[in-house]
């Protein structure tokens, strides 16, 4: 099978029927520099997944969306709603900062964001920024930043998704606008019996989830005002020694922002109130984990090339787990500056951030990015970035916590090339990330016992054939070395590839085939289990009948058996049908 895939890829790559027109590297991204920038001009590695990509691929979950990047490996403790982990470029699952509309989703307790509860239908775009993010996004971005932006543009729509395991999801997007006001609403409701989370489970593990997301904007002269309220809540059943228990989750934020234009400058003030909760739902259960954060942010964008900012956060964390409880608060003050400038056809991005943490004192982080435009459609770039992650509250005070932990510190490097040619887009980069004081359990409590070095190479090629066939292949080779134990970091493969072939027919129907594969990896340094390599084939067909769009998605066409965590099941062959209508 592997040789056949390589042969097919080679035929596509060297075909003489290329007719490439619209470059994906002309896409506009906001996350890397907090301002609109073409991908070809960003001085680091960035991927964008749009709502059109999500619809034509028929993605059912947020982890499917992220798994379409070869930079990201997903760990999963079962089906819908179960815990998912993100390993970006070989870093830990709590090393990637996940944002929803610019608000951090990662809780201060467990550190790992609950991305599994975000329905794809409400997403306008996902921006994956992989390195050099410390000056603008601060701590906890050792692996990078993922910004999930919900819909507030486009046509009103309603959709119903239905599939295996009695899975159903209803989603609605509605927007209203006057000359100086705009309001947009995203609603979603999902129910599923899902499948047995563990190989030893006796019953399926049901899941339900609701999302309410509303944005309001008001424009008055040189002032812009915006409000965003986001709430994601529901319940997930899980296996506890053969019995089904349930926990209730709730992620929510409120963000109020005022922006004023002052000459060439733009000044903004923001207030953010964020909450993350998990509660056991049984009448006799008392365990919970909560994070509540209040933040004030001031930013001054000077011209188009400099950002000066200050933020203050009051982060409160509460937890009761396995008989151990804590109630603690962090006060975090951050001052940062990021600037772009050009000199002799070189582009520079230089940034620094001082973080004053009430527990750990001051940390200075930053980045230096350098780019050289060979032509308008070819960029060579290099960067070095320093960042850190403070131990989360569960690391410090949880049931196996250690209050003497030190922050994890990282120095990352990258050098790469992006180019747009007549036959397609091509990018390649080499990355290296050294992490000290890596926090792991020694079997009884958390310790700063590991040192890691992650090296790798990434390739991304996309092209169009005869204006009807689009082809994209992404490949990442990495060596995620646990230097302390002389082994590879757990659950991170050396090799991962994603290949997508899309055919557009005369009536604008789209057929898309996605092949995703990764090599073997260790389950944990504390056991001898290995997770096998695999290649999954998914297909989606999108067609229009009258005023309706119908999507037919088959996941795992050949019913491949594989594991993303030892003793936890994954989805077998599954069929999902989506019916949507614009209004």
Protein backbone atom coordinates (compact mmCIF):
# COMPACT_ATOMS: atom_id res chain seq x y z
CA UNK A 1 0.00 0.00 0.00
CA UNK A 2 2.83 2.42 0.88
CA UNK A 3 4.57 1.89 -2.49
CA UNK A 4 1.28 2.50 -4.33
CA UNK A 5 0.79 5.80 -2.46
CA UNK A 6 4.31 6.94 -3.29
CA UNK A 7 3.80 6.04 -6.96
CA UNK A 8 0.51 7.94 -7.15
CA UNK A 9 2.11 10.97 -5.48
CA UNK A 10 5.02 10.89 -7.92
CA UNK A 11 2.67 10.80 -10.92
CA UNK A 12 0.79 13.81 -9.61
CA UNK A 13 3.94 15.76 -8.76
CA UNK A 14 5.56 15.31 -12.15
CA UNK A 15 2.50 15.47 -14.37
CA UNK A 16 2.77 18.01 -17.23
CA UNK A 17 -0.89 19.03 -16.90
CA UNK A 18 -0.41 21.57 -14.11
CA UNK A 19 -2.51 24.70 -14.38
CA UNK A 20 -1.91 26.33 -11.02
CA UNK A 21 -3.64 29.66 -10.42
CA UNK A 22 -4.80 30.49 -6.88
CA UNK A 23 -2.01 30.10 -4.35
CA UNK A 24 -2.78 29.04 -0.79
CA UNK A 25 0.26 31.09 0.27
CA UNK A 26 -1.67 34.24 -0.67
CA UNK A 27 -4.12 33.45 2.17
CA UNK A 28 -4.32 36.12 4.86
CA UNK A 29 -3.49 35.18 8.45
CA UNK A 30 -3.81 37.25 11.61
CA UNK A 31 -2.40 35.13 14.44
CA UNK A 32 1.41 35.30 13.89
CA UNK A 33 1.71 39.09 13.98
CA UNK A 34 -1.78 40.11 15.26
CA UNK A 35 -2.38 41.88 11.96
CA UNK A 36 -3.42 40.73 8.47
CA UNK A 37 -0.40 39.19 6.71
CA UNK A 38 -0.08 36.93 3.68
CA UNK A 39 1.27 33.47 4.47
CA UNK A 40 4.09 33.99 1.97
CA UNK A 41 5.19 37.03 4.04
CA UNK A 42 5.09 35.53 7.55
CA UNK A 43 8.53 34.85 9.04
CA UNK A 44 7.52 31.52 10.56
CA UNK A 45 5.51 28.40 9.66
CA UNK A 46 1.74 28.85 9.60
CA UNK A 47 -1.16 26.73 8.34
CA UNK A 48 -4.72 27.91 7.72
CA UNK A 49 -7.77 25.66 7.60
CA UNK A 50 -10.83 27.53 6.32
CA UNK A 51 -14.56 26.86 6.66
CA UNK A 52 -14.53 25.75 2.99
CA UNK A 53 -11.77 23.23 3.79
CA UNK A 54 -13.84 21.99 6.74
CA UNK A 55 -16.99 21.58 4.62
CA UNK A 56 -15.36 19.95 1.59
CA UNK A 57 -13.40 17.55 3.82
CA UNK A 58 -16.48 16.73 5.88
CA UNK A 59 -14.64 17.03 9.18
CA UNK A 60 -16.83 15.74 12.03
CA UNK A 61 -14.72 16.85 15.01
CA UNK A 62 -12.13 19.48 15.89
CA UNK A 63 -9.49 16.78 16.37
CA UNK A 64 -10.08 15.69 12.75
CA UNK A 65 -9.43 19.28 11.65
CA UNK A 66 -6.16 19.49 13.58
CA UNK A 67 -5.10 16.00 12.53
CA UNK A 68 -5.12 17.23 8.92
CA UNK A 69 -1.82 18.95 9.76
CA UNK A 70 1.28 16.76 9.61
CA UNK A 71 2.73 18.91 12.42
CA UNK A 72 0.12 17.66 14.90
CA UNK A 73 -0.40 14.20 16.37
CA UNK A 74 -3.57 13.56 18.37
CA UNK A 75 -3.85 11.37 21.45
CA UNK A 76 -7.34 10.14 22.27
CA UNK A 77 -8.92 8.33 25.22
CA UNK A 78 -11.90 7.12 23.22
CA UNK A 79 -14.68 8.69 21.17
CA UNK A 80 -16.78 11.87 21.22
CA UNK A 81 -16.08 14.08 24.23
CA UNK A 82 -13.25 11.96 25.63
CA UNK A 83 -9.93 13.63 26.47
CA UNK A 84 -7.82 14.58 23.44
CA UNK A 85 -4.16 15.61 23.48
CA UNK A 86 -2.26 17.78 20.99
CA UNK A 87 1.39 17.00 20.26
CA UNK A 88 2.59 19.82 17.99
CA UNK A 89 6.02 19.26 16.47
CA UNK A 90 6.78 16.71 19.17
CA UNK A 91 6.08 18.95 22.17
CA UNK A 92 3.86 18.03 25.12
CA UNK A 93 0.07 18.22 25.06
CA UNK A 94 0.11 21.26 27.39
CA UNK A 95 2.77 23.10 25.37
CA UNK A 96 0.40 24.42 22.70
CA UNK A 97 -1.73 27.46 23.50
CA UNK A 98 -5.23 27.07 22.03
CA UNK A 99 -7.32 30.21 21.56
CA UNK A 100 -11.01 30.59 20.75
CA UNK A 101 -11.55 34.03 19.18
CA UNK A 102 -8.25 35.10 20.73
CA UNK A 103 -9.12 33.90 24.27
CA UNK A 104 -7.01 31.12 25.77
CA UNK A 105 -8.86 27.81 26.17
CA UNK A 106 -6.15 26.07 28.25
CA UNK A 107 -7.19 25.85 31.92
CA UNK A 108 -4.81 26.80 34.71
CA UNK A 109 -5.42 23.46 36.44
CA UNK A 110 -4.92 20.59 34.00
CA UNK A 111 -3.27 22.68 31.28
CA UNK A 112 -4.75 20.68 28.38
CA UNK A 113 -7.53 22.48 26.40
CA UNK A 114 -10.90 20.76 25.85
CA UNK A 115 -10.82 21.14 22.07
CA UNK A 116 -12.95 17.99 21.64
CA UNK A 117 -16.11 19.97 22.45
CA UNK A 118 -15.79 22.52 19.60
CA UNK A 119 -18.06 21.64 16.62
CA UNK A 120 -16.54 22.25 13.16
CA UNK A 121 -19.76 23.87 11.88
CA UNK A 122 -19.22 27.03 13.95
CA UNK A 123 -15.61 27.52 12.80
CA UNK A 124 -14.68 30.19 10.25
CA UNK A 125 -10.97 29.34 10.23
CA UNK A 126 -8.21 27.70 12.22
CA UNK A 127 -4.76 29.29 12.22
CA UNK A 128 -1.87 27.05 13.31
CA UNK A 129 1.30 28.99 14.13
CA UNK A 130 4.15 26.65 14.92
CA UNK A 131 7.05 28.64 16.32
CA UNK A 132 8.40 32.06 17.25
CA UNK A 133 5.27 33.12 19.15
CA UNK A 134 6.59 33.97 22.59
CA UNK A 135 6.65 37.77 22.44
CA UNK A 136 3.01 38.14 21.34
CA UNK A 137 1.48 35.13 23.14
CA UNK A 138 3.73 34.63 26.15
CA UNK A 139 3.96 31.57 28.35
CA UNK A 140 2.62 28.12 27.51
CA UNK A 141 3.38 28.47 23.77
CA UNK A 142 6.45 26.20 23.62
CA UNK A 143 4.82 24.19 20.83
CA UNK A 144 3.02 27.08 19.16
CA UNK A 145 -0.41 28.68 19.02
CA UNK A 146 -3.70 27.46 17.53
CA UNK A 147 -6.32 30.17 17.06
CA UNK A 148 -9.86 28.89 16.41
CA UNK A 149 -12.01 31.70 15.01
CA UNK A 150 -15.78 31.23 15.00
CA UNK A 151 -18.03 32.42 12.19
CA UNK A 152 -19.08 36.04 11.96
CA UNK A 153 -19.09 36.46 8.17
CA UNK A 154 -20.80 34.82 5.26
CA UNK A 155 -24.28 33.56 4.55
CA UNK A 156 -26.76 32.50 7.21
CA UNK A 157 -26.94 28.72 7.36
CA UNK A 158 -28.42 25.74 9.17
CA UNK A 159 -27.06 22.19 9.08
CA UNK A 160 -27.87 18.74 10.44
CA UNK A 161 -25.20 16.05 10.74
CA UNK A 162 -26.19 12.44 11.43
CA UNK A 163 -24.13 9.28 11.56
CA UNK A 164 -22.92 6.15 13.31
CA UNK A 165 -23.44 5.57 17.04
CA UNK A 166 -26.76 7.49 16.90
CA UNK A 167 -24.78 10.68 16.45
CA UNK A 168 -26.71 13.86 15.58
CA UNK A 169 -25.70 17.50 15.58
CA UNK A 170 -27.79 20.55 14.67
CA UNK A 171 -25.94 23.82 14.00
CA UNK A 172 -27.11 27.32 13.12
CA UNK A 173 -25.33 30.49 12.03
CA UNK A 174 -27.25 33.78 11.85
CA UNK A 175 -25.89 37.26 11.14
CA UNK A 176 -27.63 40.66 11.13
CA UNK A 177 -26.05 43.96 10.15
CA UNK A 178 -26.90 47.65 9.87
CA UNK A 179 -24.72 50.56 8.77
CA UNK A 180 -22.77 50.68 12.04
CA UNK A 181 -23.74 47.52 13.94
CA UNK A 182 -23.34 43.80 13.43
CA UNK A 183 -24.42 40.79 15.44
CA UNK A 184 -23.65 37.15 14.69
CA UNK A 185 -24.79 34.02 16.50
CA UNK A 186 -23.50 30.44 16.38
CA UNK A 187 -25.56 27.66 17.96
CA UNK A 188 -24.86 23.94 18.07
CA UNK A 189 -26.38 20.94 19.82
CA UNK A 190 -24.97 17.39 19.66
CA UNK A 191 -26.07 14.00 21.03
CA UNK A 192 -24.26 10.70 20.54
CA UNK A 193 -24.14 7.22 22.05
CA UNK A 194 -20.52 7.13 20.81
CA UNK A 195 -18.52 3.92 21.20
CA UNK A 196 -16.85 2.03 24.04
CA UNK A 197 -13.96 4.21 25.25
CA UNK A 198 -11.76 1.38 26.55
CA UNK A 199 -11.11 -2.05 25.08
CA UNK A 200 -12.42 -3.48 28.36
CA UNK A 201 -15.57 -1.29 28.48
CA UNK A 202 -18.94 -3.02 28.71
CA UNK A 203 -21.08 -0.12 27.43
CA UNK A 204 -20.95 2.75 24.98
CA UNK A 205 -20.15 6.17 26.44
CA UNK A 206 -22.80 8.76 25.62
CA UNK A 207 -21.98 12.38 24.91
CA UNK A 208 -23.98 15.58 24.67
CA UNK A 209 -22.82 19.12 24.05
CA UNK A 210 -24.22 22.60 23.44
CA UNK A 211 -22.47 25.69 22.11
CA UNK A 212 -23.68 29.28 22.20
CA UNK A 213 -21.43 31.91 20.64
CA UNK A 214 -22.52 35.52 20.06
CA UNK A 215 -20.53 38.47 18.70
CA UNK A 216 -21.62 42.09 18.65
CA UNK A 217 -19.77 44.95 16.92
CA UNK A 218 -20.54 48.65 16.96
CA UNK A 219 -18.75 51.25 14.83
CA UNK A 220 -18.78 54.95 15.69
CA UNK A 221 -16.35 57.27 13.97
CA UNK A 222 -12.81 56.35 15.03
CA UNK A 223 -14.12 53.99 17.72
CA UNK A 224 -14.90 50.29 17.32
CA UNK A 225 -16.55 48.31 20.09
CA UNK A 226 -16.92 44.53 20.20
CA UNK A 227 -18.39 41.97 22.58
CA UNK A 228 -18.03 38.19 22.42
CA UNK A 229 -19.69 35.66 24.69
CA UNK A 230 -18.80 32.00 24.16
CA UNK A 231 -20.20 29.06 26.15
CA UNK A 232 -19.57 25.38 25.55
CA UNK A 233 -21.13 22.90 27.99
CA UNK A 234 -22.34 19.32 28.18
CA UNK A 235 -21.64 15.89 29.66
CA UNK A 236 -19.46 12.92 28.79
CA UNK A 237 -19.71 9.36 30.05
CA UNK A 238 -16.45 7.55 30.77
CA UNK A 239 -15.28 4.15 32.02
CA UNK A 240 -14.43 3.79 35.70
CA UNK A 241 -13.36 0.21 36.50
CA UNK A 242 -16.07 -1.22 34.26
CA UNK A 243 -18.86 1.17 35.28
CA UNK A 244 -20.14 4.19 33.36
CA UNK A 245 -19.73 7.49 35.17
CA UNK A 246 -20.36 10.96 33.80
CA UNK A 247 -18.73 14.36 34.09
CA UNK A 248 -20.03 17.79 33.19
CA UNK A 249 -17.82 20.25 31.32
CA UNK A 250 -18.18 23.99 30.81
CA UNK A 251 -15.85 26.36 28.97
CA UNK A 252 -16.93 29.97 28.65
CA UNK A 253 -15.56 33.44 28.12
CA UNK A 254 -16.74 37.01 27.86
CA UNK A 255 -14.58 39.51 25.98
CA UNK A 256 -15.23 43.25 25.69
CA UNK A 257 -12.93 45.32 23.51
CA UNK A 258 -12.69 48.98 22.50
CA UNK A 259 -10.45 50.10 19.65
CA UNK A 260 -9.69 53.69 18.67
CA UNK A 261 -7.73 55.01 15.71
CA UNK A 262 -5.35 57.85 16.66
CA UNK A 263 -3.58 59.03 13.54
CA UNK A 264 -1.54 56.09 12.26
CA UNK A 265 -1.87 54.33 15.61
CA UNK A 266 -4.55 51.98 16.87
CA UNK A 267 -5.17 51.72 20.61
CA UNK A 268 -7.21 48.93 22.15
CA UNK A 269 -8.45 48.04 25.63
CA UNK A 270 -9.85 44.58 26.42
CA UNK A 271 -11.44 42.90 29.40
CA UNK A 272 -11.70 39.10 29.45
CA UNK A 273 -13.52 36.88 31.93
CA UNK A 274 -12.79 33.19 31.33
CA UNK A 275 -13.93 30.00 33.05
CA UNK A 276 -13.12 26.29 32.64
CA UNK A 277 -14.97 23.69 34.70
CA UNK A 278 -15.18 19.92 34.96
CA UNK A 279 -17.50 18.42 37.60
CA UNK A 280 -18.39 14.81 38.37
CA UNK A 281 -22.14 14.44 37.93
CA UNK A 282 -22.97 11.44 40.16
CA UNK A 283 -24.93 12.33 43.29
CA UNK A 284 -22.18 10.98 45.57
CA UNK A 285 -19.26 12.39 43.52
CA UNK A 286 -17.41 15.45 44.80
CA UNK A 287 -14.38 15.77 42.47
CA UNK A 288 -14.05 18.88 40.34
CA UNK A 289 -11.49 21.12 38.66
CA UNK A 290 -12.16 24.84 38.02
CA UNK A 291 -10.24 27.78 36.57
CA UNK A 292 -11.51 31.37 36.63
CA UNK A 293 -9.45 34.15 35.06
CA UNK A 294 -9.93 37.91 34.78
CA UNK A 295 -7.65 39.78 32.37
CA UNK A 296 -7.10 43.38 31.34
CA UNK A 297 -5.15 44.01 28.13
CA UNK A 298 -3.88 47.25 26.60
CA UNK A 299 -2.28 47.31 23.15
CA UNK A 300 -0.97 50.12 20.98
CA UNK A 301 -0.33 49.27 17.34
CA UNK A 302 2.11 51.92 16.14
CA UNK A 303 1.73 52.39 12.42
CA UNK A 304 1.74 48.97 10.80
CA UNK A 305 4.98 47.70 12.25
CA UNK A 306 5.00 47.80 16.05
CA UNK A 307 2.84 46.46 18.88
CA UNK A 308 3.33 47.59 22.47
CA UNK A 309 1.19 45.82 25.03
CA UNK A 310 0.51 45.26 28.71
CA UNK A 311 -1.70 42.64 30.33
CA UNK A 312 -2.76 41.82 33.87
CA UNK A 313 -4.39 38.50 34.79
CA UNK A 314 -5.87 37.21 38.02
CA UNK A 315 -6.07 33.42 37.69
CA UNK A 316 -7.92 31.43 40.37
CA UNK A 317 -7.81 27.61 40.42
CA UNK A 318 -9.78 25.14 42.50
CA UNK A 319 -9.61 21.36 42.46
CA UNK A 320 -10.63 18.27 44.41
CA UNK A 321 -9.32 15.03 42.97
CA UNK A 322 -8.62 11.64 44.58
CA UNK A 323 -9.03 13.21 48.02
CA UNK A 324 -6.54 16.03 47.39
CA UNK A 325 -7.83 19.60 47.15
CA UNK A 326 -6.32 23.01 46.52
CA UNK A 327 -7.43 26.62 46.15
CA UNK A 328 -4.74 28.89 44.71
CA UNK A 329 -4.32 32.14 42.76
CA UNK A 330 -1.73 33.44 40.30
CA UNK A 331 -1.25 37.11 39.46
CA UNK A 332 0.46 37.59 36.13
CA UNK A 333 1.71 40.91 34.72
CA UNK A 334 3.16 41.03 31.22
CA UNK A 335 4.79 43.81 29.22
CA UNK A 336 5.63 43.08 25.59
CA UNK A 337 6.85 44.68 22.39
CA UNK A 338 6.96 43.30 18.87
CA UNK A 339 8.22 45.16 15.84
CA UNK A 340 8.73 44.60 12.12
CA UNK A 341 11.13 46.50 9.91
CA UNK A 342 13.01 46.20 6.64
CA UNK A 343 16.65 46.85 5.83
CA UNK A 344 18.39 46.20 2.50
CA UNK A 345 15.64 43.82 1.32
CA UNK A 346 15.71 41.88 4.59
CA UNK A 347 12.62 41.60 6.79
CA UNK A 348 12.99 41.50 10.57
CA UNK A 349 10.56 40.65 13.33
CA UNK A 350 11.89 41.23 16.83
CA UNK A 351 9.91 40.84 20.01
CA UNK A 352 10.35 40.60 23.74
CA UNK A 353 8.07 39.97 26.70
CA UNK A 354 8.65 40.29 30.41
CA UNK A 355 6.33 38.09 32.48
CA UNK A 356 6.02 38.73 36.18
CA UNK A 357 4.48 35.63 37.79
CA UNK A 358 3.41 35.85 41.43
CA UNK A 359 4.86 32.38 42.11
CA UNK A 360 7.94 32.33 39.87
CA UNK A 361 8.98 35.96 39.53
CA UNK A 362 10.23 37.49 36.28
CA UNK A 363 10.86 35.70 33.00
CA UNK A 364 12.16 37.36 29.84
CA UNK A 365 11.13 35.68 26.60
CA UNK A 366 11.20 36.77 22.99
CA UNK A 367 11.92 36.02 19.37
CA UNK A 368 14.14 37.15 16.51
CA UNK A 369 12.86 36.36 13.01
CA UNK A 370 14.72 37.14 9.79
CA UNK A 371 13.42 36.86 6.24
CA UNK A 372 14.80 37.49 2.77
CA UNK A 373 12.52 37.84 -0.23
CA UNK A 374 14.32 36.31 -3.23
CA UNK A 375 11.33 37.28 -5.36
CA UNK A 376 7.84 38.47 -4.41
CA UNK A 377 6.83 34.80 -4.43
CA UNK A 378 9.81 33.25 -2.66
CA UNK A 379 10.84 33.77 0.97
CA UNK A 380 13.73 32.34 2.98
CA UNK A 381 13.29 32.77 6.75
CA UNK A 382 14.99 31.86 10.00
CA UNK A 383 14.11 32.42 13.65
CA UNK A 384 15.07 31.81 17.24
CA UNK A 385 12.55 31.96 20.06
CA UNK A 386 12.65 31.58 23.82
CA UNK A 387 9.59 30.78 25.93
CA UNK A 388 8.53 29.01 29.11
CA UNK A 389 5.62 27.19 30.72
CA UNK A 390 4.85 27.63 34.39
CA UNK A 391 3.70 24.38 36.05
CA UNK A 392 -0.08 24.20 36.11
CA UNK A 393 -1.83 24.04 39.45
CA UNK A 394 -2.47 20.29 39.21
CA UNK A 395 1.28 19.72 38.63
CA UNK A 396 1.98 21.69 41.80
CA UNK A 397 -0.82 20.81 44.20
CA UNK A 398 -2.78 17.88 42.74
CA UNK A 399 -2.85 14.32 44.05
CA UNK A 400 0.68 13.62 42.74
CA UNK A 401 1.76 17.26 42.71
CA UNK A 402 5.05 18.82 43.72
CA UNK A 403 5.06 22.47 44.93
CA UNK A 404 8.83 22.67 44.31
CA UNK A 405 8.58 22.40 40.54
CA UNK A 406 10.39 24.91 38.32
CA UNK A 407 9.02 26.24 35.02
CA UNK A 408 9.84 24.45 31.78
CA UNK A 409 12.05 26.54 29.47
CA UNK A 410 12.48 26.27 25.73
CA UNK A 411 14.81 27.58 23.02
CA UNK A 412 13.56 26.86 19.49
CA UNK A 413 15.12 27.46 16.07
CA UNK A 414 13.73 27.19 12.57
CA UNK A 415 14.92 27.83 9.03
CA UNK A 416 12.69 27.46 6.00
CA UNK A 417 11.72 28.36 2.46
CA UNK A 418 8.29 29.19 1.02
CA UNK A 419 7.76 29.60 -2.69
CA UNK A 420 4.94 29.98 -5.22
CA UNK A 421 5.65 28.57 -8.68
CA UNK A 422 3.69 27.98 -11.87
CA UNK A 423 3.10 24.37 -10.82
CA UNK A 424 2.20 24.89 -7.17
CA UNK A 425 3.09 26.02 -3.66
CA UNK A 426 6.05 24.50 -1.87
CA UNK A 427 7.48 25.02 1.59
CA UNK A 428 10.15 23.21 3.57
CA UNK A 429 11.56 23.93 7.01
CA UNK A 430 13.95 22.49 9.56
CA UNK A 431 13.09 22.98 13.23
CA UNK A 432 14.86 22.33 16.52
CA UNK A 433 13.42 22.77 20.00
CA UNK A 434 15.40 22.28 23.23
CA UNK A 435 13.33 22.01 26.42
CA UNK A 436 14.79 22.04 29.94
CA UNK A 437 13.05 21.14 33.22
CA UNK A 438 10.48 19.04 31.39
CA UNK A 439 7.82 18.03 33.92
CA UNK A 440 7.02 14.32 34.20
CA UNK A 441 5.92 11.95 36.94
CA UNK A 442 8.55 9.72 38.53
CA UNK A 443 5.81 7.25 39.39
CA UNK A 444 4.80 8.92 42.64
CA UNK A 445 4.87 12.68 42.04
CA UNK A 446 5.68 15.29 39.37
CA UNK A 447 9.34 16.20 38.90
CA UNK A 448 11.54 18.36 36.67
CA UNK A 449 13.31 15.20 35.58
CA UNK A 450 13.51 15.39 31.81
CA UNK A 451 15.37 17.27 29.14
CA UNK A 452 14.19 17.00 25.56
CA UNK A 453 15.44 17.93 22.12
CA UNK A 454 13.07 17.78 19.16
CA UNK A 455 14.48 18.03 15.65
CA UNK A 456 12.58 17.67 12.43
CA UNK A 457 11.86 18.55 8.82
CA UNK A 458 8.50 19.53 7.33
CA UNK A 459 7.40 19.57 3.69
CA UNK A 460 4.19 20.98 2.23
CA UNK A 461 3.30 20.87 -1.47
CA UNK A 462 0.01 21.78 -3.12
CA UNK A 463 -0.99 22.13 -6.76
CA UNK A 464 -3.90 22.17 -9.17
CA UNK A 465 -4.31 20.01 -12.29
CA UNK A 466 -6.55 21.05 -15.19
CA UNK A 467 -8.44 23.48 -12.89
CA UNK A 468 -10.54 20.62 -11.51
CA UNK A 469 -8.14 18.55 -9.40
CA UNK A 470 -6.36 19.87 -6.31
CA UNK A 471 -3.59 17.91 -4.65
CA UNK A 472 -1.82 18.56 -1.34
CA UNK A 473 0.73 16.50 0.52
CA UNK A 474 2.21 17.34 3.93
CA UNK A 475 4.99 15.37 5.59
CA UNK A 476 6.78 15.75 8.92
CA UNK A 477 9.82 13.80 10.03
CA UNK A 478 10.84 14.42 13.63
CA UNK A 479 13.13 13.05 16.31
CA UNK A 480 11.37 13.88 19.63
CA UNK A 481 14.21 12.76 21.91
CA UNK A 482 13.79 12.29 25.64
CA UNK A 483 17.45 12.94 26.46
CA UNK A 484 17.12 11.97 30.11
CA UNK A 485 15.80 8.46 29.42
CA UNK A 486 17.52 8.01 26.03
CA UNK A 487 14.25 7.25 24.25
CA UNK A 488 11.60 8.96 22.15
CA UNK A 489 8.93 11.06 23.82
CA UNK A 490 5.71 9.11 24.23
CA UNK A 491 2.92 9.09 21.60
CA UNK A 492 4.93 11.13 19.11
CA UNK A 493 5.71 9.44 15.78
CA UNK A 494 8.87 9.95 13.76
CA UNK A 495 6.83 10.15 10.56
CA UNK A 496 3.46 11.61 9.71
CA UNK A 497 1.96 12.41 6.33
CA UNK A 498 -1.35 13.80 5.09
CA UNK A 499 -2.30 13.51 1.43
CA UNK A 500 -5.45 15.15 0.02
CA UNK A 501 -6.80 14.69 -3.51
CA UNK A 502 -9.86 16.77 -4.44
CA UNK A 503 -11.88 16.64 -7.67
CA UNK A 504 -14.40 19.35 -8.64
CA UNK A 505 -17.05 18.35 -11.17
CA UNK A 506 -18.85 20.55 -13.71
CA UNK A 507 -21.88 21.01 -11.44
CA UNK A 508 -19.51 22.06 -8.60
CA UNK A 509 -19.83 18.77 -6.76
CA UNK A 510 -16.62 17.96 -4.90
CA UNK A 511 -15.09 14.58 -4.12
CA UNK A 512 -12.22 14.63 -1.63
CA UNK A 513 -10.00 11.71 -0.60
CA UNK A 514 -7.76 12.14 2.46
CA UNK A 515 -5.04 9.71 3.49
CA UNK A 516 -3.49 10.21 6.94
CA UNK A 517 -0.71 8.06 8.32
CA UNK A 518 1.87 7.98 11.04
CA UNK A 519 4.56 5.58 12.18
CA UNK A 520 4.84 3.55 15.38
CA UNK A 521 5.43 5.27 18.71
CA UNK A 522 5.73 4.42 22.40
CA UNK A 523 2.62 4.64 24.55
CA UNK A 524 4.51 5.69 27.71
CA UNK A 525 7.97 5.47 29.24
CA UNK A 526 6.31 3.68 32.17
CA UNK A 527 5.18 0.65 30.15
CA UNK A 528 6.46 -1.41 27.25
CA UNK A 529 3.47 -0.91 24.97
CA UNK A 530 3.84 0.34 21.41
CA UNK A 531 1.17 2.07 19.35
CA UNK A 532 1.28 0.71 15.81
CA UNK A 533 1.65 2.74 12.66
CA UNK A 534 -1.36 3.18 10.40
CA UNK A 535 -2.76 4.78 7.26
CA UNK A 536 -6.41 5.90 7.28
CA UNK A 537 -8.47 6.60 4.16
CA UNK A 538 -11.41 9.02 4.44
CA UNK A 539 -13.66 10.20 1.62
CA UNK A 540 -16.22 13.01 1.44
CA UNK A 541 -18.63 13.83 -1.37
CA UNK A 542 -20.33 17.23 -1.38
CA UNK A 543 -23.23 17.87 -3.72
CA UNK A 544 -26.12 20.33 -4.13
CA UNK A 545 -29.76 19.43 -4.64
CA UNK A 546 -32.12 22.38 -5.09
CA UNK A 547 -31.17 24.82 -2.30
CA UNK A 548 -29.56 22.17 -0.11
CA UNK A 549 -25.98 20.92 0.21
CA UNK A 550 -25.49 17.28 1.07
CA UNK A 551 -22.24 15.90 2.38
CA UNK A 552 -21.56 12.16 2.55
CA UNK A 553 -18.51 11.27 4.65
CA UNK A 554 -16.97 7.84 5.16
CA UNK A 555 -14.26 7.74 7.78
CA UNK A 556 -11.73 4.90 7.85
CA UNK A 557 -12.95 3.33 4.60
CA UNK A 558 -10.99 0.10 5.08
CA UNK A 559 -11.91 -0.23 8.79
CA UNK A 560 -8.27 -0.05 9.91
CA UNK A 561 -7.70 -1.10 13.53
CA UNK A 562 -5.39 1.31 15.36
CA UNK A 563 -4.81 2.94 18.75
CA UNK A 564 -4.11 6.55 19.77
CA UNK A 565 -3.60 5.48 23.40
CA UNK A 566 -3.04 2.01 24.84
CA UNK A 567 -6.24 0.13 25.73
CA UNK A 568 -8.47 2.86 24.27
CA UNK A 569 -10.65 2.29 21.21
CA UNK A 570 -10.75 4.37 18.05
CA UNK A 571 -13.53 4.84 15.52
CA UNK A 572 -13.95 2.10 12.96
CA UNK A 573 -15.51 2.55 9.54
CA UNK A 574 -18.21 5.20 9.95
CA UNK A 575 -20.72 6.97 7.73
CA UNK A 576 -21.94 10.53 8.36
CA UNK A 577 -24.41 12.56 6.32
CA UNK A 578 -24.70 16.34 6.57
CA UNK A 579 -27.63 18.33 5.20
CA UNK A 580 -27.19 22.12 5.11
CA UNK A 581 -29.04 25.10 3.70
CA UNK A 582 -28.17 28.77 3.33
CA UNK A 583 -30.86 31.37 3.97
